[in-house]
Amino acid sequence: AATPTAAAASAAPQGQGYVVQVAALTARPEADAIAKRLSAKGYAAFVVPPASGTPQFYRVRIGKFGTHREAETVAAKLQKEEQFKPFITR
């Protein structure tokens, strides 16, 4: 069952492409809050929960983008407007 804050952010997109990661947090409520705020601004933000056996980080990501260039454009905008230090991953 999804919590109300988790439901506000979209689910992780499937398929090939690139995503922009803006944060990795140990607290799920903080990650959900960032994703919700970015979603409200029109970004396709979502939270990736930690996989079992990995460090407890909830990753806040935006995407998915078909090309690396599209992801770079959004990453640059996020860095300028939101003061994140984003990076691009698959």
PDB file of N, CA and C in Angstrom:
ATOM      1  N   ALA A   1       0.847  -1.189   0.000  1.00  0.00           N
ATOM      2  CA  ALA A   1       0.000   0.000   0.000  1.00  0.00           C
ATOM      3  C   ALA A   1       0.881   1.236   0.000  1.00  0.00           C
ATOM      4  N   ALA A   2       0.611   2.145  -0.892  1.00  0.00           N
ATOM      5  CA  ALA A   2       1.403   3.363  -0.984  1.00  0.00           C
ATOM      6  C   ALA A   2       0.954   4.369   0.072  1.00  0.00           C
ATOM      7  N   THR A   3       1.899   5.086   0.610  1.00  0.00           N
ATOM      8  CA  THR A   3       1.550   6.149   1.544  1.00  0.00           C
ATOM      9  C   THR A   3       1.110   7.355   0.731  1.00  0.00           C
ATOM     10  N   PRO A   4       0.373   8.274   1.327  1.00  0.00           N
ATOM     11  CA  PRO A   4      -0.069   9.450   0.559  1.00  0.00           C
ATOM     12  C   PRO A   4       1.092  10.240  -0.043  1.00  0.00           C
ATOM     13  N   THR A   5       2.202  10.400   0.685  1.00  0.00           N
ATOM     14  CA  THR A   5       3.322  11.154   0.132  1.00  0.00           C
ATOM     15  C   THR A   5       3.984  10.390  -1.005  1.00  0.00           C
ATOM     16  N   ALA A   6       4.084   9.077  -0.900  1.00  0.00           N
ATOM     17  CA  ALA A   6       4.692   8.288  -1.965  1.00  0.00           C
ATOM     18  C   ALA A   6       3.814   8.310  -3.219  1.00  0.00           C
ATOM     19  N   ALA A   7       2.517   8.342  -3.027  1.00  0.00           N
ATOM     20  CA  ALA A   7       1.597   8.348  -4.160  1.00  0.00           C
ATOM     21  C   ALA A   7       1.689   9.652  -4.945  1.00  0.00           C
ATOM     22  N   ALA A   8       2.133  10.730  -4.305  1.00  0.00           N
ATOM     23  CA  ALA A   8       2.220  12.021  -4.978  1.00  0.00           C
ATOM     24  C   ALA A   8       3.310  12.012  -6.046  1.00  0.00           C
ATOM     25  N   ALA A   9       4.363  11.265  -5.821  1.00  0.00           N
ATOM     26  CA  ALA A   9       5.441  11.163  -6.801  1.00  0.00           C
ATOM     27  C   ALA A   9       5.158   9.976  -7.708  1.00  0.00           C
ATOM     28  N   SER A  10       5.513  10.127  -8.966  1.00  0.00           N
ATOM     29  CA  SER A  10       5.233   9.046  -9.909  1.00  0.00           C
ATOM     30  C   SER A  10       6.162   7.862  -9.666  1.00  0.00           C
ATOM     31  N   ALA A  11       5.771   6.717 -10.150  1.00  0.00           N
ATOM     32  CA  ALA A  11       6.573   5.502 -10.011  1.00  0.00           C
ATOM     33  C   ALA A  11       7.747   5.556 -10.975  1.00  0.00           C
ATOM     34  N   ALA A  12       8.758   4.763 -10.704  1.00  0.00           N
ATOM     35  CA  ALA A  12       9.930   4.714 -11.569  1.00  0.00           C
ATOM     36  C   ALA A  12       9.527   4.257 -12.962  1.00  0.00           C
ATOM     37  N   PRO A  13       9.940   5.000 -13.996  1.00  0.00           N
ATOM     38  CA  PRO A  13       9.594   4.604 -15.362  1.00  0.00           C
ATOM     39  C   PRO A  13      10.349   3.350 -15.785  1.00  0.00           C
ATOM     40  N   GLN A  14       9.734   2.587 -16.642  1.00  0.00           N
ATOM     41  CA  GLN A  14      10.341   1.346 -17.134  1.00  0.00           C
ATOM     42  C   GLN A  14      11.006   1.593 -18.483  1.00  0.00           C
ATOM     43  N   GLY A  15      11.896   0.678 -18.868  1.00  0.00           N
ATOM     44  CA  GLY A  15      12.497   0.740 -20.195  1.00  0.00           C
ATOM     45  C   GLY A  15      13.848   1.437 -20.212  1.00  0.00           C
ATOM     46  N   GLN A  16      14.383   1.582 -21.418  1.00  0.00           N
ATOM     47  CA  GLN A  16      15.700   2.183 -21.615  1.00  0.00           C
ATOM     48  C   GLN A  16      15.629   3.696 -21.508  1.00  0.00           C
ATOM     49  N   GLY A  17      16.759   4.286 -21.178  1.00  0.00           N
ATOM     50  CA  GLY A  17      16.833   5.734 -21.136  1.00  0.00           C
ATOM     51  C   GLY A  17      17.699   6.207 -19.988  1.00  0.00           C
ATOM     52  N   TYR A  18      17.654   7.506 -19.752  1.00  0.00           N
ATOM     53  CA  TYR A  18      18.484   8.136 -18.732  1.00  0.00           C
ATOM     54  C   TYR A  18      17.604   8.796 -17.687  1.00  0.00           C
ATOM     55  N   VAL A  19      18.111   8.853 -16.468  1.00  0.00           N
ATOM     56  CA  VAL A  19      17.440   9.574 -15.392  1.00  0.00           C
ATOM     57  C   VAL A  19      18.445  10.521 -14.761  1.00  0.00           C
ATOM     58  N   VAL A  20      17.925  11.577 -14.130  1.00  0.00           N
ATOM     59  CA  VAL A  20      18.752  12.544 -13.420  1.00  0.00           C
ATOM     60  C   VAL A  20      18.528  12.315 -11.931  1.00  0.00           C
ATOM     61  N   GLN A  21      19.586  11.976 -11.222  1.00  0.00           N
ATOM     62  CA  GLN A  21      19.467  11.801  -9.774  1.00  0.00           C
ATOM     63  C   GLN A  21      19.816  13.112  -9.098  1.00  0.00           C
ATOM     64  N   VAL A  22      18.935  13.570  -8.196  1.00  0.00           N
ATOM     65  CA  VAL A  22      19.153  14.848  -7.524  1.00  0.00           C
ATOM     66  C   VAL A  22      19.494  14.699  -6.052  1.00  0.00           C
ATOM     67  N   ALA A  23      19.179  13.546  -5.460  1.00  0.00           N
ATOM     68  CA  ALA A  23      19.455  13.362  -4.036  1.00  0.00           C
ATOM     69  C   ALA A  23      19.469  11.880  -3.690  1.00  0.00           C
ATOM     70  N   ALA A  24      20.185  11.555  -2.615  1.00  0.00           N
ATOM     71  CA  ALA A  24      20.180  10.217  -2.029  1.00  0.00           C
ATOM     72  C   ALA A  24      20.129  10.420  -0.522  1.00  0.00           C
ATOM     73  N   LEU A  25      19.018  10.019   0.071  1.00  0.00           N
ATOM     74  CA  LEU A  25      18.768  10.297   1.486  1.00  0.00           C
ATOM     75  C   LEU A  25      18.500   9.018   2.260  1.00  0.00           C
ATOM     76  N   THR A  26      18.809   9.032   3.548  1.00  0.00           N
ATOM     77  CA  THR A  26      18.560   7.857   4.382  1.00  0.00           C
ATOM     78  C   THR A  26      17.131   7.834   4.917  1.00  0.00           C
ATOM     79  N   ALA A  27      16.434   8.966   4.872  1.00  0.00           N
ATOM     80  CA  ALA A  27      15.063   9.044   5.397  1.00  0.00           C
ATOM     81  C   ALA A  27      14.064   9.098   4.247  1.00  0.00           C
ATOM     82  N   ARG A  28      13.170   8.115   4.182  1.00  0.00           N
ATOM     83  CA  ARG A  28      12.161   8.075   3.118  1.00  0.00           C
ATOM     84  C   ARG A  28      11.272   9.318   3.111  1.00  0.00           C
ATOM     85  N   PRO A  29      10.805   9.823   4.279  1.00  0.00           N
ATOM     86  CA  PRO A  29       9.944  11.014   4.238  1.00  0.00           C
ATOM     87  C   PRO A  29      10.612  12.230   3.590  1.00  0.00           C
ATOM     88  N   GLU A  30      11.911  12.397   3.816  1.00  0.00           N
ATOM     89  CA  GLU A  30      12.629  13.518   3.191  1.00  0.00           C
ATOM     90  C   GLU A  30      12.711  13.322   1.677  1.00  0.00           C
ATOM     91  N   ALA A  31      13.006  12.103   1.243  1.00  0.00           N
ATOM     92  CA  ALA A  31      13.080  11.808  -0.195  1.00  0.00           C
ATOM     93  C   ALA A  31      11.722  12.042  -0.849  1.00  0.00           C
ATOM     94  N   ASP A  32      10.646  11.579  -0.186  1.00  0.00           N
ATOM     95  CA  ASP A  32       9.293  11.785  -0.718  1.00  0.00           C
ATOM     96  C   ASP A  32       8.961  13.272  -0.818  1.00  0.00           C
ATOM     97  N   ALA A  33       9.390  14.045   0.169  1.00  0.00           N
ATOM     98  CA  ALA A  33       9.101  15.484   0.168  1.00  0.00           C
ATOM     99  C   ALA A  33       9.777  16.181  -1.013  1.00  0.00           C
ATOM    100  N   ILE A  34      11.023  15.820  -1.289  1.00  0.00           N
ATOM    101  CA  ILE A  34      11.725  16.418  -2.434  1.00  0.00           C
ATOM    102  C   ILE A  34      11.049  16.014  -3.737  1.00  0.00           C
ATOM    103  N   ALA A  35      10.719  14.725  -3.876  1.00  0.00           N
ATOM    104  CA  ALA A  35      10.061  14.246  -5.097  1.00  0.00           C
ATOM    105  C   ALA A  35       8.718  14.934  -5.287  1.00  0.00           C
ATOM    106  N   LYS A  36       7.968  15.103  -4.208  1.00  0.00           N
ATOM    107  CA  LYS A  36       6.656  15.754  -4.297  1.00  0.00           C
ATOM    108  C   LYS A  36       6.814  17.214  -4.731  1.00  0.00           C
ATOM    109  N   ARG A  37       7.811  17.905  -4.162  1.00  0.00           N
ATOM    110  CA  ARG A  37       8.043  19.310  -4.506  1.00  0.00           C
ATOM    111  C   ARG A  37       8.431  19.438  -5.983  1.00  0.00           C
ATOM    112  N   LEU A  38       9.311  18.556  -6.451  1.00  0.00           N
ATOM    113  CA  LEU A  38       9.724  18.610  -7.857  1.00  0.00           C
ATOM    114  C   LEU A  38       8.575  18.225  -8.788  1.00  0.00           C
ATOM    115  N   SER A  39       7.757  17.256  -8.385  1.00  0.00           N
ATOM    116  CA  SER A  39       6.586  16.871  -9.188  1.00  0.00           C
ATOM    117  C   SER A  39       5.633  18.047  -9.329  1.00  0.00           C
ATOM    118  N   ALA A  40       5.464  18.800  -8.250  1.00  0.00           N
ATOM    119  CA  ALA A  40       4.576  19.969  -8.279  1.00  0.00           C
ATOM    120  C   ALA A  40       5.094  21.033  -9.241  1.00  0.00           C
ATOM    121  N   LYS A  41       6.399  21.036  -9.493  1.00  0.00           N
ATOM    122  CA  LYS A  41       6.996  21.989 -10.435  1.00  0.00           C
ATOM    123  C   LYS A  41       7.026  21.450 -11.854  1.00  0.00           C
ATOM    124  N   GLY A  42       6.453  20.268 -12.060  1.00  0.00           N
ATOM    125  CA  GLY A  42       6.349  19.727 -13.410  1.00  0.00           C
ATOM    126  C   GLY A  42       7.381  18.687 -13.782  1.00  0.00           C
ATOM    127  N   TYR A  43       8.254  18.336 -12.857  1.00  0.00           N
ATOM    128  CA  TYR A  43       9.249  17.302 -13.137  1.00  0.00           C
ATOM    129  C   TYR A  43       8.648  15.922 -12.900  1.00  0.00           C
ATOM    130  N   ALA A  44       9.106  14.932 -13.675  1.00  0.00           N
ATOM    131  CA  ALA A  44       8.661  13.544 -13.493  1.00  0.00           C
ATOM    132  C   ALA A  44       9.540  12.897 -12.422  1.00  0.00           C
ATOM    133  N   ALA A  45       9.336  13.322 -11.166  1.00  0.00           N
ATOM    134  CA  ALA A  45      10.179  12.874 -10.055  1.00  0.00           C
ATOM    135  C   ALA A  45       9.632  11.598  -9.428  1.00  0.00           C
ATOM    136  N   PHE A  46      10.554  10.766  -8.949  1.00  0.00           N
ATOM    137  CA  PHE A  46      10.177   9.532  -8.262  1.00  0.00           C
ATOM    138  C   PHE A  46      11.279   9.153  -7.288  1.00  0.00           C
ATOM    139  N   VAL A  47      10.956   8.275  -6.355  1.00  0.00           N
ATOM    140  CA  VAL A  47      11.919   7.813  -5.358  1.00  0.00           C
ATOM    141  C   VAL A  47      12.216   6.340  -5.610  1.00  0.00           C
ATOM    142  N   VAL A  48      13.503   6.001  -5.625  1.00  0.00           N
ATOM    143  CA  VAL A  48      13.931   4.616  -5.780  1.00  0.00           C
ATOM    144  C   VAL A  48      14.340   4.111  -4.392  1.00  0.00           C
ATOM    145  N   PRO A  49      13.605   3.133  -3.864  1.00  0.00           N
ATOM    146  CA  PRO A  49      13.978   2.599  -2.546  1.00  0.00           C
ATOM    147  C   PRO A  49      15.250   1.767  -2.643  1.00  0.00           C
ATOM    148  N   PRO A  50      15.954   1.604  -1.533  1.00  0.00           N
ATOM    149  CA  PRO A  50      17.186   0.810  -1.577  1.00  0.00           C
ATOM    150  C   PRO A  50      16.895  -0.652  -1.883  1.00  0.00           C
ATOM    151  N   ALA A  51      17.747  -1.250  -2.683  1.00  0.00           N
ATOM    152  CA  ALA A  51      17.622  -2.683  -2.964  1.00  0.00           C
ATOM    153  C   ALA A  51      18.122  -3.446  -1.746  1.00  0.00           C
ATOM    154  N   SER A  52      17.611  -4.638  -1.540  1.00  0.00           N
ATOM    155  CA  SER A  52      18.048  -5.414  -0.375  1.00  0.00           C
ATOM    156  C   SER A  52      19.540  -5.707  -0.481  1.00  0.00           C
ATOM    157  N   GLY A  53      20.219  -5.578   0.639  1.00  0.00           N
ATOM    158  CA  GLY A  53      21.653  -5.828   0.666  1.00  0.00           C
ATOM    159  C   GLY A  53      22.499  -4.641   0.255  1.00  0.00           C
ATOM    160  N   THR A  54      21.875  -3.493   0.023  1.00  0.00           N
ATOM    161  CA  THR A  54      22.617  -2.285  -0.344  1.00  0.00           C
ATOM    162  C   THR A  54      22.449  -1.249   0.766  1.00  0.00           C
ATOM    163  N   PRO A  55      23.276  -0.199   0.769  1.00  0.00           N
ATOM    164  CA  PRO A  55      23.112   0.857   1.785  1.00  0.00           C
ATOM    165  C   PRO A  55      21.718   1.471   1.725  1.00  0.00           C
ATOM    166  N   GLN A  56      21.221   1.914   2.871  1.00  0.00           N
ATOM    167  CA  GLN A  56      19.862   2.458   2.996  1.00  0.00           C
ATOM    168  C   GLN A  56      19.759   3.869   2.435  1.00  0.00           C
ATOM    169  N   PHE A  57      19.757   4.003   1.131  1.00  0.00           N
ATOM    170  CA  PHE A  57      19.586   5.315   0.516  1.00  0.00           C
ATOM    171  C   PHE A  57      18.372   5.305  -0.389  1.00  0.00           C
ATOM    172  N   TYR A  58      17.519   6.301  -0.201  1.00  0.00           N
ATOM    173  CA  TYR A  58      16.365   6.513  -1.073  1.00  0.00           C
ATOM    174  C   TYR A  58      16.802   7.554  -2.097  1.00  0.00           C
ATOM    175  N   ARG A  59      16.828   7.148  -3.354  1.00  0.00           N
ATOM    176  CA  ARG A  59      17.325   8.024  -4.418  1.00  0.00           C
ATOM    177  C   ARG A  59      16.176   8.777  -5.068  1.00  0.00           C
ATOM    178  N   VAL A  60      16.314  10.098  -5.129  1.00  0.00           N
ATOM    179  CA  VAL A  60      15.305  10.941  -5.782  1.00  0.00           C
ATOM    180  C   VAL A  60      15.791  11.183  -7.200  1.00  0.00           C
ATOM    181  N   ARG A  61      14.968  10.747  -8.150  1.00  0.00           N
ATOM    182  CA  ARG A  61      15.359  10.833  -9.563  1.00  0.00           C
ATOM    183  C   ARG A  61      14.259  11.467 -10.391  1.00  0.00           C
ATOM    184  N   ILE A  62      14.660  11.971 -11.565  1.00  0.00           N
ATOM    185  CA  ILE A  62      13.736  12.591 -12.517  1.00  0.00           C
ATOM    186  C   ILE A  62      13.981  11.956 -13.871  1.00  0.00           C
ATOM    187  N   GLY A  63      12.915  11.679 -14.580  1.00  0.00           N
ATOM    188  CA  GLY A  63      13.063  11.113 -15.916  1.00  0.00           C
ATOM    189  C   GLY A  63      11.951  10.118 -16.177  1.00  0.00           C
ATOM    190  N   LYS A  64      12.051   9.504 -17.242  1.00  0.00           N
ATOM    191  CA  LYS A  64      13.172   8.982 -17.989  1.00  0.00           C
ATOM    192  C   LYS A  64      13.301   9.770 -19.283  1.00  0.00           C
ATOM    193  N   PHE A  65      14.539   9.925 -19.745  1.00  0.00           N
ATOM    194  CA  PHE A  65      14.823  10.683 -20.951  1.00  0.00           C
ATOM    195  C   PHE A  65      15.392   9.756 -22.014  1.00  0.00           C
ATOM    196  N   GLY A  66      14.989   9.992 -23.252  1.00  0.00           N
ATOM    197  CA  GLY A  66      15.416   9.140 -24.352  1.00  0.00           C
ATOM    198  C   GLY A  66      16.869   9.311 -24.732  1.00  0.00           C
ATOM    199  N   THR A  67      17.408  10.520 -24.534  1.00  0.00           N
ATOM    200  CA  THR A  67      18.801  10.774 -24.909  1.00  0.00           C
ATOM    201  C   THR A  67      19.561  11.377 -23.728  1.00  0.00           C
ATOM    202  N   HIS A  68      20.869  11.218 -23.765  1.00  0.00           N
ATOM    203  CA  HIS A  68      21.729  11.788 -22.723  1.00  0.00           C
ATOM    204  C   HIS A  68      21.629  13.309 -22.755  1.00  0.00           C
ATOM    205  N   ARG A  69      21.499  13.882 -23.942  1.00  0.00           N
ATOM    206  CA  ARG A  69      21.411  15.338 -24.082  1.00  0.00           C
ATOM    207  C   ARG A  69      20.164  15.892 -23.374  1.00  0.00           C
ATOM    208  N   GLU A  70      19.031  15.218 -23.520  1.00  0.00           N
ATOM    209  CA  GLU A  70      17.812  15.652 -22.822  1.00  0.00           C
ATOM    210  C   GLU A  70      18.034  15.656 -21.311  1.00  0.00           C
ATOM    211  N   ALA A  71      18.652  14.585 -20.815  1.00  0.00           N
ATOM    212  CA  ALA A  71      18.934  14.486 -19.379  1.00  0.00           C
ATOM    213  C   ALA A  71      19.891  15.590 -18.940  1.00  0.00           C
ATOM    214  N   GLU A  72      20.905  15.900 -19.757  1.00  0.00           N
ATOM    215  CA  GLU A  72      21.853  16.970 -19.437  1.00  0.00           C
ATOM    216  C   GLU A  72      21.151  18.318 -19.329  1.00  0.00           C
ATOM    217  N   THR A  73      20.203  18.577 -20.223  1.00  0.00           N
ATOM    218  CA  THR A  73      19.466  19.841 -20.208  1.00  0.00           C
ATOM    219  C   THR A  73      18.695  20.001 -18.894  1.00  0.00           C
ATOM    220  N   VAL A  74      18.008  18.945 -18.480  1.00  0.00           N
ATOM    221  CA  VAL A  74      17.239  18.989 -17.235  1.00  0.00           C
ATOM    222  C   VAL A  74      18.171  19.090 -16.034  1.00  0.00           C
ATOM    223  N   ALA A  75      19.286  18.363 -16.064  1.00  0.00           N
ATOM    224  CA  ALA A  75      20.255  18.415 -14.964  1.00  0.00           C
ATOM    225  C   ALA A  75      20.796  19.835 -14.786  1.00  0.00           C
ATOM    226  N   ALA A  76      21.111  20.493 -15.897  1.00  0.00           N
ATOM    227  CA  ALA A  76      21.624  21.867 -15.838  1.00  0.00           C
ATOM    228  C   ALA A  76      20.572  22.814 -15.255  1.00  0.00           C
ATOM    229  N   LYS A  77      19.319  22.634 -15.651  1.00  0.00           N
ATOM    230  CA  LYS A  77      18.232  23.469 -15.136  1.00  0.00           C
ATOM    231  C   LYS A  77      18.051  23.249 -13.632  1.00  0.00           C
ATOM    232  N   LEU A  78      18.105  22.005 -13.200  1.00  0.00           N
ATOM    233  CA  LEU A  78      17.963  21.693 -11.775  1.00  0.00           C
ATOM    234  C   LEU A  78      19.111  22.274 -10.962  1.00  0.00           C
ATOM    235  N   GLN A  79      20.303  22.217 -11.517  1.00  0.00           N
ATOM    236  CA  GLN A  79      21.461  22.760 -10.806  1.00  0.00           C
ATOM    237  C   GLN A  79      21.318  24.271 -10.653  1.00  0.00           C
ATOM    238  N   LYS A  80      20.865  24.937 -11.709  1.00  0.00           N
ATOM    239  CA  LYS A  80      20.736  26.393 -11.691  1.00  0.00           C
ATOM    240  C   LYS A  80      19.559  26.850 -10.825  1.00  0.00           C
ATOM    241  N   GLU A  81      18.388  26.236 -11.010  1.00  0.00           N
ATOM    242  CA  GLU A  81      17.169  26.716 -10.364  1.00  0.00           C
ATOM    243  C   GLU A  81      16.932  26.143  -8.965  1.00  0.00           C
ATOM    244  N   GLU A  82      17.409  24.912  -8.715  1.00  0.00           N
ATOM    245  CA  GLU A  82      17.109  24.246  -7.444  1.00  0.00           C
ATOM    246  C   GLU A  82      18.349  24.029  -6.575  1.00  0.00           C
ATOM    247  N   GLN A  83      19.514  24.400  -7.083  1.00  0.00           N
ATOM    248  CA  GLN A  83      20.785  24.246  -6.378  1.00  0.00           C
ATOM    249  C   GLN A  83      21.124  22.786  -6.025  1.00  0.00           C
ATOM    250  N   PHE A  84      20.637  21.862  -6.832  1.00  0.00           N
ATOM    251  CA  PHE A  84      21.030  20.466  -6.672  1.00  0.00           C
ATOM    252  C   PHE A  84      22.373  20.273  -7.368  1.00  0.00           C
ATOM    253  N   LYS A  85      23.028  19.179  -7.053  1.00  0.00           N
ATOM    254  CA  LYS A  85      24.217  18.754  -7.779  1.00  0.00           C
ATOM    255  C   LYS A  85      23.867  17.418  -8.431  1.00  0.00           C
ATOM    256  N   PRO A  86      23.063  17.484  -9.488  1.00  0.00           N
ATOM    257  CA  PRO A  86      22.541  16.255 -10.101  1.00  0.00           C
ATOM    258  C   PRO A  86      23.582  15.520 -10.929  1.00  0.00           C
ATOM    259  N   PHE A  87      23.310  14.240 -11.134  1.00  0.00           N
ATOM    260  CA  PHE A  87      24.117  13.489 -12.085  1.00  0.00           C
ATOM    261  C   PHE A  87      23.179  12.571 -12.868  1.00  0.00           C
ATOM    262  N   ILE A  88      23.674  12.145 -14.021  1.00  0.00           N
ATOM    263  CA  ILE A  88      22.868  11.361 -14.957  1.00  0.00           C
ATOM    264  C   ILE A  88      23.277   9.896 -14.850  1.00  0.00           C
ATOM    265  N   THR A  89      22.283   9.032 -14.837  1.00  0.00           N
ATOM    266  CA  THR A  89      22.518   7.594 -14.777  1.00  0.00           C
ATOM    267  C   THR A  89      21.475   6.892 -15.624  1.00  0.00           C
ATOM    268  N   ARG A  90      21.596   5.590 -15.775  1.00  0.00           N
ATOM    269  CA  ARG A  90      20.617   4.812 -16.527  1.00  0.00           C
ATOM    270  C   ARG A  90      19.693   4.093 -15.580  1.00  0.00           C
TER     271      ARG A  90
END
